[in-house]
Amino acid sequence: MKGRPVSTVVALLVLFGCIQPLGAQARSAEQIIRHAEQSVFPDAFVMRATLVTRESGKESTRMEMAVSFKRNVGSRIELLQPPRSRGIRFLQKQAALWLFNPQAGTNQAIRLSPKAAFQGSVFSNSDVGDPQYSTDYTMSLRGTEMLDHPDLGSVTAAVLEGTARDAAVAYSKVKLWVRPGDDMLLKGEYYAKSGLLFKRVLFTRIVEMAGRERPTVIRMASLDQPDRESVLTITSLEDRPDLPDALFNLSALTR
């Protein structure tokens, strides 16, 4: 190809698949993470779930919750059990998280940190209230790795790495393992600002729910407290694109 302009050579290489333009690579990572998010939750849903936290030498804690979520609008969580927590509500909206306790004798909501632990669990407030990686992290593809999954056995998984878009998000960096073909989210690692790995999450018990196969057990382990873990089990999940935006207003939370 002597004498051809460099731009022509690059165009031919792209055409025959030898290289990809940078824009295509970025879109590919974006597309994978969006599909991976949808493999766990629809873009708008209502859910019932239990959250159990276990720690060596201590009695396990268990709570039940009802969750409503609408992508790019917000999420709302209401605690159903235990009895002492019944009626406590949370609202995640535009990177802000609010708590309202109707038993506190005030109609004022309290603002919480997305990084803080959700009700004493290993999950952060953001993990439960804002299950979207694509809005909080800039994602890139890091090749593939063999993953030993409890349900699927040995899987060749695509690896995504995300860096935080804003210092306010729960983690500085995330690393995610996704099953090629259907982009099912299988595993994640969460890193502190120092670069230290301090949480690991596993997505298991894959069953048919809300129109497709999904992982229904999300197991979060703490690496700085290795005898402690929290397990979120989805007991029901319904795709609900008709959820009204008004449900996710602060005024609705405190009624």
Foldseek 3Di string as FASTA:
>chain_A
DPPDDPVVVVVVCCVVVVDHDPVVQQVVQLVLQVLQLVQAANQWKKFKKKKWKDFPPDDIDIWIWIKTHHHLQWIKIATCDDPVRHGWMWIQGPQWIWIDDPVVVDLDIDTDQQQPCDVPAPHGVCVPTPVGPSVFWRKGWDAWDWDQAPVPGTATWTKMKTAGPDPRHNARIKIWTAGPPSSHTAKMWGHHPVRDTFKIKGFDDWDDAQHGTHRFKIKMATPVRRRMIMIMGIPHMHHCPPDDSVCNDSSVSSD
